[in-house]
């Protein structure tokens, strides 16, 4: 272990993160009654320019009037390059800050973007006497943001999570796709010819690098990495596949852009009973090994050691967090 100890963000359950347009008051009510771990009330991409002001009012009313118990509530503000952003922050935090857990900052490009919001939110909290410190969710969705991701992750003690915004990231990098997440039939490799001259084509994950890099930056700074949207809401199997690869890489959860994806995310990012049982058996086996003065032992024919304890503890802690 390094002498530098990473301070961990608050341990919030973040398996599913439901996106809800602030322009639709009925959707806001349904989200409050739903099963998502985190709900972000959107003022940015899901809201047309002419509806921004009313959406802001809707969100303030929803924060103050609806019952959000059992959920973490976030508001996605408009980008720092727009004239909507400052009013999003000032109005929402001044009028409903006591009911707000997080602010989601889109298209973060450099660490100073986070610093600017930190200063503004801190001043409002002090002026209004708010006792709860509002945290930050940061969306990495541009080439600039990915290039500066480590500095961004460390830019504020308010930071809690990093999110991969796949659609805007694709546009920023000029990737050859118009999908919102998911695989691409043209991203793959050909095998060498076999004896008959035949060749197989193996698909790859064109977003693997971006998500893996986000996970490293997040974990190195004690933050939660969260995978972003999957656009085909009719393709449950596709959503599951994308979610599982994100989970395997270390993500805490995934966005749900439709309520039907919430249950999928909650299930996929919760340890299975088999995983929990195996983790507990690893901990028991290592506890016995240490009593016998051993640093490693075999379990089910496989070597386990001190590192295995850390892996197993992650699973057990997540299971306890899900159980509540």
C-alpha atoms as a PDB file:
ATOM      1  CA  UNK A   1       0.000   0.000   0.000  1.00  0.00           C
ATOM      2  CA  UNK A   2       1.254   3.439  -0.904  1.00  0.00           C
ATOM      3  CA  UNK A   3       2.019   5.915   1.854  1.00  0.00           C
ATOM      4  CA  UNK A   4      -0.512   8.158   0.083  1.00  0.00           C
ATOM      5  CA  UNK A   5      -3.933   7.173   1.390  1.00  0.00           C
ATOM      6  CA  UNK A   6      -6.901   7.863  -0.877  1.00  0.00           C
ATOM      7  CA  UNK A   7      -9.882   9.471   0.829  1.00  0.00           C
ATOM      8  CA  UNK A   8     -13.079   7.730  -0.217  1.00  0.00           C
ATOM      9  CA  UNK A   9     -16.213   9.538  -1.360  1.00  0.00           C
ATOM     10  CA  UNK A  10     -19.402   8.929   0.629  1.00  0.00           C
ATOM     11  CA  UNK A  11     -20.497   5.312   0.224  1.00  0.00           C
ATOM     12  CA  UNK A  12     -23.729   5.768  -1.690  1.00  0.00           C
ATOM     13  CA  UNK A  13     -25.501   2.911  -3.441  1.00  0.00           C
ATOM     14  CA  UNK A  14     -25.128   3.765  -7.134  1.00  0.00           C
ATOM     15  CA  UNK A  15     -26.195   0.674  -9.087  1.00  0.00           C
ATOM     16  CA  UNK A  16     -28.811   2.500 -11.157  1.00  0.00           C
ATOM     17  CA  UNK A  17     -28.914   6.197 -12.035  1.00  0.00           C
ATOM     18  CA  UNK A  18     -32.174   7.249 -13.638  1.00  0.00           C
ATOM     19  CA  UNK A  19     -32.245  10.256 -15.970  1.00  0.00           C
ATOM     20  CA  UNK A  20     -35.437  12.332 -15.667  1.00  0.00           C
ATOM     21  CA  UNK A  21     -36.169  15.419 -17.802  1.00  0.00           C
ATOM     22  CA  UNK A  22     -37.023  18.397 -15.624  1.00  0.00           C
ATOM     23  CA  UNK A  23     -39.517  19.600 -18.197  1.00  0.00           C
ATOM     24  CA  UNK A  24     -41.918  16.747 -17.401  1.00  0.00           C
ATOM     25  CA  UNK A  25     -43.525  17.089 -13.953  1.00  0.00           C
ATOM     26  CA  UNK A  26     -45.254  13.698 -14.240  1.00  0.00           C
ATOM     27  CA  UNK A  27     -41.928  11.948 -14.861  1.00  0.00           C
ATOM     28  CA  UNK A  28     -40.485  13.665 -11.794  1.00  0.00           C
ATOM     29  CA  UNK A  29     -43.302  12.270  -9.641  1.00  0.00           C
ATOM     30  CA  UNK A  30     -42.826   8.758 -11.041  1.00  0.00           C
ATOM     31  CA  UNK A  31     -39.064   8.924 -10.414  1.00  0.00           C
ATOM     32  CA  UNK A  32     -39.610   9.784  -6.751  1.00  0.00           C
ATOM     33  CA  UNK A  33     -41.746   6.670  -6.391  1.00  0.00           C
ATOM     34  CA  UNK A  34     -39.422   4.437  -8.429  1.00  0.00           C
ATOM     35  CA  UNK A  35     -36.628   2.028  -7.531  1.00  0.00           C
ATOM     36  CA  UNK A  36     -33.515   3.824  -8.814  1.00  0.00           C
ATOM     37  CA  UNK A  37     -30.654   4.243  -6.345  1.00  0.00           C
ATOM     38  CA  UNK A  38     -29.825   7.671  -7.770  1.00  0.00           C
ATOM     39  CA  UNK A  39     -32.099   9.990  -9.745  1.00  0.00           C
ATOM     40  CA  UNK A  40     -30.705  12.894 -11.701  1.00  0.00           C
ATOM     41  CA  UNK A  41     -33.172  15.599 -12.625  1.00  0.00           C
ATOM     42  CA  UNK A  42     -32.054  16.925 -15.971  1.00  0.00           C
ATOM     43  CA  UNK A  43     -31.798  20.542 -17.045  1.00  0.00           C
ATOM     44  CA  UNK A  44     -29.386  19.891 -19.905  1.00  0.00           C
ATOM     45  CA  UNK A  45     -29.702  17.624 -22.955  1.00  0.00           C
ATOM     46  CA  UNK A  46     -33.231  16.332 -22.277  1.00  0.00           C
ATOM     47  CA  UNK A  47     -34.679  19.854 -22.066  1.00  0.00           C
ATOM     48  CA  UNK A  48     -35.278  22.088 -25.090  1.00  0.00           C
ATOM     49  CA  UNK A  49     -33.934  25.668 -24.836  1.00  0.00           C
ATOM     50  CA  UNK A  50     -37.413  27.194 -24.618  1.00  0.00           C
ATOM     51  CA  UNK A  51     -38.258  24.875 -21.704  1.00  0.00           C
ATOM     52  CA  UNK A  52     -35.156  25.470 -19.573  1.00  0.00           C
ATOM     53  CA  UNK A  53     -36.695  28.054 -17.249  1.00  0.00           C
ATOM     54  CA  UNK A  54     -39.859  26.044 -16.588  1.00  0.00           C
ATOM     55  CA  UNK A  55     -37.837  22.859 -16.100  1.00  0.00           C
ATOM     56  CA  UNK A  56     -35.785  24.642 -13.443  1.00  0.00           C
ATOM     57  CA  UNK A  57     -38.992  25.637 -11.632  1.00  0.00           C
ATOM     58  CA  UNK A  58     -40.346  22.095 -11.929  1.00  0.00           C
ATOM     59  CA  UNK A  59     -37.200  20.648 -10.369  1.00  0.00           C
ATOM     60  CA  UNK A  60     -37.199  23.119  -7.488  1.00  0.00           C
ATOM     61  CA  UNK A  61     -40.823  22.235  -6.765  1.00  0.00           C
ATOM     62  CA  UNK A  62     -40.105  18.502  -7.031  1.00  0.00           C
ATOM     63  CA  UNK A  63     -37.153  18.736  -4.640  1.00  0.00           C
ATOM     64  CA  UNK A  64     -39.215  20.641  -2.086  1.00  0.00           C
ATOM     65  CA  UNK A  65     -42.540  18.820  -2.409  1.00  0.00           C
ATOM     66  CA  UNK A  66     -41.903  15.171  -3.335  1.00  0.00           C
ATOM     67  CA  UNK A  67     -40.755  12.380  -1.038  1.00  0.00           C
ATOM     68  CA  UNK A  68     -37.258  11.351  -2.123  1.00  0.00           C
ATOM     69  CA  UNK A  69     -36.483   9.182   0.902  1.00  0.00           C
ATOM     70  CA  UNK A  70     -34.381   6.135   0.063  1.00  0.00           C
ATOM     71  CA  UNK A  71     -32.832   7.814  -2.974  1.00  0.00           C
ATOM     72  CA  UNK A  72     -29.882  10.003  -3.764  1.00  0.00           C
ATOM     73  CA  UNK A  73     -31.058  13.033  -5.748  1.00  0.00           C
ATOM     74  CA  UNK A  74     -28.919  14.921  -8.241  1.00  0.00           C
ATOM     75  CA  UNK A  75     -29.533  17.757 -10.689  1.00  0.00           C
ATOM     76  CA  UNK A  76     -27.717  17.890 -14.018  1.00  0.00           C
ATOM     77  CA  UNK A  77     -27.051  21.539 -14.743  1.00  0.00           C
ATOM     78  CA  UNK A  78     -26.339  23.024 -18.144  1.00  0.00           C
ATOM     79  CA  UNK A  79     -22.749  23.307 -19.349  1.00  0.00           C
ATOM     80  CA  UNK A  80     -20.350  25.981 -18.160  1.00  0.00           C
ATOM     81  CA  UNK A  81     -20.258  27.347 -21.710  1.00  0.00           C
ATOM     82  CA  UNK A  82     -23.968  28.242 -21.608  1.00  0.00           C
ATOM     83  CA  UNK A  83     -25.785  31.178 -20.055  1.00  0.00           C
ATOM     84  CA  UNK A  84     -28.209  28.790 -18.336  1.00  0.00           C
ATOM     85  CA  UNK A  85     -25.644  27.304 -15.954  1.00  0.00           C
ATOM     86  CA  UNK A  86     -25.269  30.028 -13.332  1.00  0.00           C
ATOM     87  CA  UNK A  87     -29.031  30.352 -12.859  1.00  0.00           C
ATOM     88  CA  UNK A  88     -29.385  26.564 -12.645  1.00  0.00           C
ATOM     89  CA  UNK A  89     -26.960  26.505  -9.738  1.00  0.00           C
ATOM     90  CA  UNK A  90     -28.102  29.668  -7.959  1.00  0.00           C
ATOM     91  CA  UNK A  91     -31.837  29.024  -8.174  1.00  0.00           C
ATOM     92  CA  UNK A  92     -31.770  25.309  -7.376  1.00  0.00           C
ATOM     93  CA  UNK A  93     -29.287  25.486  -4.501  1.00  0.00           C
ATOM     94  CA  UNK A  94     -30.751  28.661  -2.976  1.00  0.00           C
ATOM     95  CA  UNK A  95     -34.358  27.468  -3.193  1.00  0.00           C
ATOM     96  CA  UNK A  96     -34.020  23.699  -2.684  1.00  0.00           C
ATOM     97  CA  UNK A  97     -30.437  23.007  -1.648  1.00  0.00           C
ATOM     98  CA  UNK A  98     -31.407  21.323   1.614  1.00  0.00           C
ATOM     99  CA  UNK A  99     -33.096  18.545  -0.390  1.00  0.00           C
ATOM    100  CA  UNK A 100     -30.282  18.123  -2.925  1.00  0.00           C
ATOM    101  CA  UNK A 101     -27.496  15.551  -2.583  1.00  0.00           C
ATOM    102  CA  UNK A 102     -25.475  16.048  -5.765  1.00  0.00           C
ATOM    103  CA  UNK A 103     -24.928  18.323  -8.733  1.00  0.00           C
ATOM    104  CA  UNK A 104     -24.067  16.625 -12.011  1.00  0.00           C
ATOM    105  CA  UNK A 105     -21.656  18.698 -14.115  1.00  0.00           C
ATOM    106  CA  UNK A 106     -21.733  17.861 -17.848  1.00  0.00           C
ATOM    107  CA  UNK A 107     -18.860  17.962 -20.311  1.00  0.00           C
ATOM    108  CA  UNK A 108     -16.159  18.676 -17.759  1.00  0.00           C
ATOM    109  CA  UNK A 109     -13.027  19.522 -19.707  1.00  0.00           C
ATOM    110  CA  UNK A 110     -10.453  20.768 -17.201  1.00  0.00           C
ATOM    111  CA  UNK A 111     -10.023  20.813 -13.439  1.00  0.00           C
ATOM    112  CA  UNK A 112     -10.824  24.529 -13.258  1.00  0.00           C
ATOM    113  CA  UNK A 113     -14.364  23.780 -14.472  1.00  0.00           C
ATOM    114  CA  UNK A 114     -14.901  21.888 -11.235  1.00  0.00           C
ATOM    115  CA  UNK A 115     -13.146  24.577  -9.198  1.00  0.00           C
ATOM    116  CA  UNK A 116     -15.496  27.231 -10.572  1.00  0.00           C
ATOM    117  CA  UNK A 117     -18.594  25.278  -9.524  1.00  0.00           C
ATOM    118  CA  UNK A 118     -17.038  24.441  -6.163  1.00  0.00           C
ATOM    119  CA  UNK A 119     -16.556  28.142  -5.440  1.00  0.00           C
ATOM    120  CA  UNK A 120     -20.097  29.069  -6.497  1.00  0.00           C
ATOM    121  CA  UNK A 121     -21.814  26.253  -4.591  1.00  0.00           C
ATOM    122  CA  UNK A 122     -19.707  26.908  -1.493  1.00  0.00           C
ATOM    123  CA  UNK A 123     -20.694  30.569  -1.466  1.00  0.00           C
ATOM    124  CA  UNK A 124     -24.400  29.731  -1.793  1.00  0.00           C
ATOM    125  CA  UNK A 125     -24.206  27.116   0.971  1.00  0.00           C
ATOM    126  CA  UNK A 126     -22.545  29.637   3.275  1.00  0.00           C
ATOM    127  CA  UNK A 127     -25.003  32.417   2.421  1.00  0.00           C
ATOM    128  CA  UNK A 128     -28.044  30.191   2.935  1.00  0.00           C
ATOM    129  CA  UNK A 129     -26.660  28.430   5.986  1.00  0.00           C
ATOM    130  CA  UNK A 130     -27.015  24.980   4.442  1.00  0.00           C
ATOM    131  CA  UNK A 131     -25.686  22.298   6.756  1.00  0.00           C
ATOM    132  CA  UNK A 132     -25.351  19.477   4.207  1.00  0.00           C
ATOM    133  CA  UNK A 133     -22.446  19.713   1.760  1.00  0.00           C
ATOM    134  CA  UNK A 134     -23.573  19.083  -1.814  1.00  0.00           C
ATOM    135  CA  UNK A 135     -21.422  16.633  -3.766  1.00  0.00           C
ATOM    136  CA  UNK A 136     -20.440  16.600  -7.438  1.00  0.00           C
ATOM    137  CA  UNK A 137     -20.951  14.053 -10.212  1.00  0.00           C
ATOM    138  CA  UNK A 138     -18.719  14.692 -13.223  1.00  0.00           C
ATOM    139  CA  UNK A 139     -19.475  13.520 -16.748  1.00  0.00           C
ATOM    140  CA  UNK A 140     -16.451  12.758 -18.912  1.00  0.00           C
ATOM    141  CA  UNK A 141     -17.817  13.135 -22.421  1.00  0.00           C
ATOM    142  CA  UNK A 142     -15.205  14.995 -24.465  1.00  0.00           C
ATOM    143  CA  UNK A 143     -11.690  14.317 -25.673  1.00  0.00           C
ATOM    144  CA  UNK A 144     -10.536  17.242 -23.531  1.00  0.00           C
ATOM    145  CA  UNK A 145     -12.155  15.770 -20.455  1.00  0.00           C
ATOM    146  CA  UNK A 146     -10.642  12.349 -21.035  1.00  0.00           C
ATOM    147  CA  UNK A 147      -7.200  13.894 -21.572  1.00  0.00           C
ATOM    148  CA  UNK A 148      -7.490  15.680 -18.213  1.00  0.00           C
ATOM    149  CA  UNK A 149      -9.443  13.028 -16.341  1.00  0.00           C
ATOM    150  CA  UNK A 150      -7.008  12.497 -13.460  1.00  0.00           C
ATOM    151  CA  UNK A 151      -6.760  16.219 -12.666  1.00  0.00           C
ATOM    152  CA  UNK A 152     -10.539  16.522 -12.934  1.00  0.00           C
ATOM    153  CA  UNK A 153     -11.089  13.624 -10.542  1.00  0.00           C
ATOM    154  CA  UNK A 154      -8.854  15.302  -7.955  1.00  0.00           C
ATOM    155  CA  UNK A 155     -10.176  18.842  -8.453  1.00  0.00           C
ATOM    156  CA  UNK A 156     -12.562  19.074  -5.488  1.00  0.00           C
ATOM    157  CA  UNK A 157     -13.380  17.341  -2.235  1.00  0.00           C
ATOM    158  CA  UNK A 158     -16.998  17.547  -3.340  1.00  0.00           C
ATOM    159  CA  UNK A 159     -16.302  15.049  -6.123  1.00  0.00           C
ATOM    160  CA  UNK A 160     -18.104  11.748  -5.667  1.00  0.00           C
ATOM    161  CA  UNK A 161     -18.357  10.052  -9.044  1.00  0.00           C
ATOM    162  CA  UNK A 162     -17.177  10.011 -12.645  1.00  0.00           C
ATOM    163  CA  UNK A 163     -19.577   9.100 -15.460  1.00  0.00           C
ATOM    164  CA  UNK A 164     -18.855   8.149 -19.064  1.00  0.00           C
ATOM    165  CA  UNK A 165     -21.023  10.135 -21.479  1.00  0.00           C
ATOM    166  CA  UNK A 166     -20.672   7.935 -24.516  1.00  0.00           C
ATOM    167  CA  UNK A 167     -22.724   9.888 -27.081  1.00  0.00           C
ATOM    168  CA  UNK A 168     -21.028  13.264 -26.690  1.00  0.00           C
ATOM    169  CA  UNK A 169     -17.677  11.504 -26.322  1.00  0.00           C
ATOM    170  CA  UNK A 170     -18.243   9.811 -29.680  1.00  0.00           C
ATOM    171  CA  UNK A 171     -19.037  13.165 -31.264  1.00  0.00           C
ATOM    172  CA  UNK A 172     -16.018  14.799 -29.643  1.00  0.00           C
ATOM    173  CA  UNK A 173     -13.617  12.132 -30.876  1.00  0.00           C
ATOM    174  CA  UNK A 174     -15.386  11.956 -34.273  1.00  0.00           C
ATOM    175  CA  UNK A 175     -15.982   8.253 -33.809  1.00  0.00           C
ATOM    176  CA  UNK A 176     -17.773   6.524 -36.689  1.00  0.00           C
ATOM    177  CA  UNK A 177     -21.042   5.782 -34.927  1.00  0.00           C
ATOM    178  CA  UNK A 178     -24.438   7.349 -34.372  1.00  0.00           C
ATOM    179  CA  UNK A 179     -25.486   4.983 -31.580  1.00  0.00           C
ATOM    180  CA  UNK A 180     -25.675   5.870 -27.900  1.00  0.00           C
ATOM    181  CA  UNK A 181     -23.360   3.204 -26.519  1.00  0.00           C
ATOM    182  CA  UNK A 182     -23.306  -0.427 -27.502  1.00  0.00           C
ATOM    183  CA  UNK A 183     -21.141  -2.355 -29.938  1.00  0.00           C
ATOM    184  CA  UNK A 184     -20.214  -1.447 -33.481  1.00  0.00           C
ATOM    185  CA  UNK A 185     -20.171  -4.050 -36.243  1.00  0.00           C
ATOM    186  CA  UNK A 186     -17.139  -2.401 -37.837  1.00  0.00           C
ATOM    187  CA  UNK A 187     -14.991  -2.509 -34.682  1.00  0.00           C
ATOM    188  CA  UNK A 188     -13.260  -5.877 -34.762  1.00  0.00           C
ATOM    189  CA  UNK A 189     -10.363  -7.908 -36.065  1.00  0.00           C
ATOM    190  CA  UNK A 190      -9.936 -10.706 -38.569  1.00  0.00           C
ATOM    191  CA  UNK A 191      -8.189 -13.890 -37.565  1.00  0.00           C
ATOM    192  CA  UNK A 192      -5.397 -15.274 -39.707  1.00  0.00           C
ATOM    193  CA  UNK A 193      -6.620 -17.617 -42.450  1.00  0.00           C
ATOM    194  CA  UNK A 194      -7.142 -21.231 -41.432  1.00  0.00           C
ATOM    195  CA  UNK A 195      -5.974 -24.144 -43.593  1.00  0.00           C
ATOM    196  CA  UNK A 196      -8.981 -23.711 -45.855  1.00  0.00           C
ATOM    197  CA  UNK A 197      -8.430 -19.969 -46.131  1.00  0.00           C
ATOM    198  CA  UNK A 198     -11.385 -19.073 -43.921  1.00  0.00           C
ATOM    199  CA  UNK A 199     -11.199 -16.195 -41.501  1.00  0.00           C
ATOM    200  CA  UNK A 200     -13.355 -15.258 -38.512  1.00  0.00           C
ATOM    201  CA  UNK A 201     -14.311 -11.724 -37.534  1.00  0.00           C
ATOM    202  CA  UNK A 202     -14.282 -10.960 -33.796  1.00  0.00           C
ATOM    203  CA  UNK A 203     -16.146  -7.923 -32.526  1.00  0.00           C
ATOM    204  CA  UNK A 204     -14.474  -5.728 -29.924  1.00  0.00           C
ATOM    205  CA  UNK A 205     -15.702  -3.131 -27.429  1.00  0.00           C
ATOM    206  CA  UNK A 206     -14.894   0.274 -28.881  1.00  0.00           C
ATOM    207  CA  UNK A 207     -15.507   1.908 -25.469  1.00  0.00           C
ATOM    208  CA  UNK A 208     -13.259  -0.384 -23.438  1.00  0.00           C
ATOM    209  CA  UNK A 209     -10.337   2.041 -23.198  1.00  0.00           C
ATOM    210  CA  UNK A 210     -12.481   4.999 -22.183  1.00  0.00           C
ATOM    211  CA  UNK A 211     -14.315   3.134 -19.438  1.00  0.00           C
ATOM    212  CA  UNK A 212     -11.181   1.423 -18.132  1.00  0.00           C
ATOM    213  CA  UNK A 213      -9.390   4.769 -17.964  1.00  0.00           C
ATOM    214  CA  UNK A 214     -12.337   6.354 -16.170  1.00  0.00           C
ATOM    215  CA  UNK A 215     -12.388   3.522 -13.610  1.00  0.00           C
ATOM    216  CA  UNK A 216      -8.694   3.997 -12.849  1.00  0.00           C
ATOM    217  CA  UNK A 217      -9.041   7.775 -12.428  1.00  0.00           C
ATOM    218  CA  UNK A 218     -12.108   7.373 -10.241  1.00  0.00           C
ATOM    219  CA  UNK A 219     -10.703   4.671  -7.976  1.00  0.00           C
ATOM    220  CA  UNK A 220      -7.346   6.426  -7.646  1.00  0.00           C
ATOM    221  CA  UNK A 221      -9.235   9.402  -6.195  1.00  0.00           C
ATOM    222  CA  UNK A 222     -11.783   7.505  -4.106  1.00  0.00           C
ATOM    223  CA  UNK A 223     -14.690   8.181  -6.481  1.00  0.00           C
ATOM    224  CA  UNK A 224     -17.437   5.953  -7.889  1.00  0.00           C
ATOM    225  CA  UNK A 225     -17.105   5.144 -11.624  1.00  0.00           C
ATOM    226  CA  UNK A 226     -20.496   4.901 -13.336  1.00  0.00           C
ATOM    227  CA  UNK A 227     -21.188   3.794 -16.899  1.00  0.00           C
ATOM    228  CA  UNK A 228     -23.426   6.082 -18.933  1.00  0.00           C
ATOM    229  CA  UNK A 229     -26.436   5.547 -21.182  1.00  0.00           C
ATOM    230  CA  UNK A 230     -27.430   2.709 -23.492  1.00  0.00           C
ATOM    231  CA  UNK A 231     -29.714   4.172 -26.102  1.00  0.00           C
ATOM    232  CA  UNK A 232     -31.720   1.185 -27.333  1.00  0.00           C
ATOM    233  CA  UNK A 233     -34.343   0.915 -24.598  1.00  0.00           C
ATOM    234  CA  UNK A 234     -35.996  -2.036 -26.389  1.00  0.00           C
ATOM    235  CA  UNK A 235     -32.816  -4.148 -26.193  1.00  0.00           C
ATOM    236  CA  UNK A 236     -32.658  -5.513 -22.649  1.00  0.00           C
ATOM    237  CA  UNK A 237     -30.034  -8.106 -23.573  1.00  0.00           C
ATOM    238  CA  UNK A 238     -27.823  -5.437 -25.096  1.00  0.00           C
ATOM    239  CA  UNK A 239     -28.155  -3.311 -21.970  1.00  0.00           C
ATOM    240  CA  UNK A 240     -27.250  -6.294 -19.797  1.00  0.00           C
ATOM    241  CA  UNK A 241     -24.136  -7.039 -21.861  1.00  0.00           C
ATOM    242  CA  UNK A 242     -22.919  -3.431 -21.678  1.00  0.00           C
ATOM    243  CA  UNK A 243     -23.647  -3.246 -17.957  1.00  0.00           C
ATOM    244  CA  UNK A 244     -21.836  -6.477 -17.160  1.00  0.00           C
ATOM    245  CA  UNK A 245     -18.684  -5.486 -19.013  1.00  0.00           C
ATOM    246  CA  UNK A 246     -18.735  -2.186 -17.090  1.00  0.00           C
ATOM    247  CA  UNK A 247     -19.200  -4.072 -13.810  1.00  0.00           C
ATOM    248  CA  UNK A 248     -16.324  -6.422 -14.613  1.00  0.00           C
ATOM    249  CA  UNK A 249     -14.079  -3.399 -15.253  1.00  0.00           C
ATOM    250  CA  UNK A 250     -14.991  -1.923 -11.863  1.00  0.00           C
ATOM    251  CA  UNK A 251     -17.975   0.379 -12.412  1.00  0.00           C
ATOM    252  CA  UNK A 252     -20.433   0.847  -9.540  1.00  0.00           C
ATOM    253  CA  UNK A 253     -23.484   1.121 -11.763  1.00  0.00           C
ATOM    254  CA  UNK A 254     -24.999   2.365 -15.001  1.00  0.00           C
ATOM    255  CA  UNK A 255     -27.432   5.003 -16.181  1.00  0.00           C
ATOM    256  CA  UNK A 256     -31.043   4.162 -16.893  1.00  0.00           C
ATOM    257  CA  UNK A 257     -32.538   6.435 -19.535  1.00  0.00           C
ATOM    258  CA  UNK A 258     -35.879   4.635 -19.180  1.00  0.00           C
ATOM    259  CA  UNK A 259     -37.451   3.219 -16.006  1.00  0.00           C
ATOM    260  CA  UNK A 260     -37.366  -0.269 -17.540  1.00  0.00           C
ATOM    261  CA  UNK A 261     -33.561  -0.196 -17.320  1.00  0.00           C
ATOM    262  CA  UNK A 262     -33.560   0.556 -13.584  1.00  0.00           C
ATOM    263  CA  UNK A 263     -34.394  -2.973 -12.427  1.00  0.00           C
ATOM    264  CA  UNK A 264     -31.790  -4.382 -14.825  1.00  0.00           C
ATOM    265  CA  UNK A 265     -29.060  -2.164 -13.391  1.00  0.00           C
ATOM    266  CA  UNK A 266     -30.047  -2.875  -9.790  1.00  0.00           C
ATOM    267  CA  UNK A 267     -29.840  -6.588 -10.435  1.00  0.00           C
ATOM    268  CA  UNK A 268     -26.679  -6.619 -12.529  1.00  0.00           C
ATOM    269  CA  UNK A 269     -24.656  -4.448 -10.156  1.00  0.00           C
ATOM    270  CA  UNK A 270     -25.668  -6.418  -7.063  1.00  0.00           C
ATOM    271  CA  UNK A 271     -23.519  -9.423  -6.090  1.00  0.00           C
ATOM    272  CA  UNK A 272     -25.218 -12.751  -6.773  1.00  0.00           C
ATOM    273  CA  UNK A 273     -25.804 -15.242  -3.969  1.00  0.00           C
ATOM    274  CA  UNK A 274     -23.088 -17.423  -5.514  1.00  0.00           C
ATOM    275  CA  UNK A 275     -20.591 -14.548  -5.481  1.00  0.00           C
ATOM    276  CA  UNK A 276     -21.436 -13.697  -1.887  1.00  0.00           C
ATOM    277  CA  UNK A 277     -21.098 -17.320  -0.773  1.00  0.00           C
ATOM    278  CA  UNK A 278     -17.728 -17.690  -2.501  1.00  0.00           C
ATOM    279  CA  UNK A 279     -16.453 -14.432  -0.972  1.00  0.00           C
ATOM    280  CA  UNK A 280     -17.443 -15.560   2.506  1.00  0.00           C
ATOM    281  CA  UNK A 281     -15.747 -18.934   1.990  1.00  0.00           C
ATOM    282  CA  UNK A 282     -12.562 -17.137   0.896  1.00  0.00           C
ATOM    283  CA  UNK A 283     -12.603 -15.016   4.038  1.00  0.00           C
ATOM    284  CA  UNK A 284     -13.196 -18.081   6.223  1.00  0.00           C
ATOM    285  CA  UNK A 285     -10.437 -20.056   4.498  1.00  0.00           C
ATOM    286  CA  UNK A 286      -7.933 -17.209   4.843  1.00  0.00           C
ATOM    287  CA  UNK A 287      -8.852 -16.666   8.469  1.00  0.00           C
ATOM    288  CA  UNK A 288      -8.063 -20.321   9.142  1.00  0.00           C
ATOM    289  CA  UNK A 289      -4.854 -20.127   7.101  1.00  0.00           C
ATOM    290  CA  UNK A 290      -3.635 -17.142   9.126  1.00  0.00           C
ATOM    291  CA  UNK A 291      -4.324 -19.016  12.353  1.00  0.00           C
ATOM    292  CA  UNK A 292      -2.066 -21.751  10.995  1.00  0.00           C
ATOM    293  CA  UNK A 293       0.632 -19.238  10.058  1.00  0.00           C
ATOM    294  CA  UNK A 294       0.043 -19.517   6.300  1.00  0.00           C
ATOM    295  CA  UNK A 295      -0.056 -16.608   3.890  1.00  0.00           C
ATOM    296  CA  UNK A 296      -1.829 -18.550   1.151  1.00  0.00           C
ATOM    297  CA  UNK A 297      -4.011 -21.606   0.773  1.00  0.00           C
ATOM    298  CA  UNK A 298      -5.993 -23.386  -1.919  1.00  0.00           C
ATOM    299  CA  UNK A 299      -9.782 -23.256  -2.168  1.00  0.00           C
ATOM    300  CA  UNK A 300     -11.666 -25.241  -4.800  1.00  0.00           C
ATOM    301  CA  UNK A 301      -8.296 -26.037  -6.370  1.00  0.00           C
ATOM    302  CA  UNK A 302      -7.312 -22.370  -6.751  1.00  0.00           C
ATOM    303  CA  UNK A 303      -4.694 -20.334  -4.904  1.00  0.00           C
ATOM    304  CA  UNK A 304      -5.980 -17.602  -2.586  1.00  0.00           C
ATOM    305  CA  UNK A 305      -3.834 -15.204  -0.580  1.00  0.00           C
ATOM    306  CA  UNK A 306      -3.967 -11.821   1.162  1.00  0.00           C
ATOM    307  CA  UNK A 307      -5.070 -10.126  -2.064  1.00  0.00           C
ATOM    308  CA  UNK A 308      -7.996 -12.550  -2.193  1.00  0.00           C
ATOM    309  CA  UNK A 309      -9.198 -11.175   1.142  1.00  0.00           C
ATOM    310  CA  UNK A 310      -9.402  -7.666  -0.329  1.00  0.00           C
ATOM    311  CA  UNK A 311     -11.359  -8.917  -3.337  1.00  0.00           C
ATOM    312  CA  UNK A 312     -13.754 -10.894  -1.163  1.00  0.00           C
ATOM    313  CA  UNK A 313     -14.267  -7.983   1.209  1.00  0.00           C
ATOM    314  CA  UNK A 314     -15.369  -5.800  -1.726  1.00  0.00           C
ATOM    315  CA  UNK A 315     -18.108  -8.313  -2.568  1.00  0.00           C
ATOM    316  CA  UNK A 316     -19.280  -8.697   1.031  1.00  0.00           C
ATOM    317  CA  UNK A 317     -19.367  -4.924   1.625  1.00  0.00           C
ATOM    318  CA  UNK A 318     -21.396  -4.398  -1.541  1.00  0.00           C
ATOM    319  CA  UNK A 319     -23.856  -7.102  -0.471  1.00  0.00           C
ATOM    320  CA  UNK A 320     -24.277  -5.430   2.915  1.00  0.00           C
ATOM    321  CA  UNK A 321     -24.795  -2.050   1.246  1.00  0.00           C
ATOM    322  CA  UNK A 322     -27.486  -3.486  -1.046  1.00  0.00           C
ATOM    323  CA  UNK A 323     -29.214  -5.166   1.879  1.00  0.00           C
ATOM    324  CA  UNK A 324     -29.230  -1.828   3.685  1.00  0.00           C
END
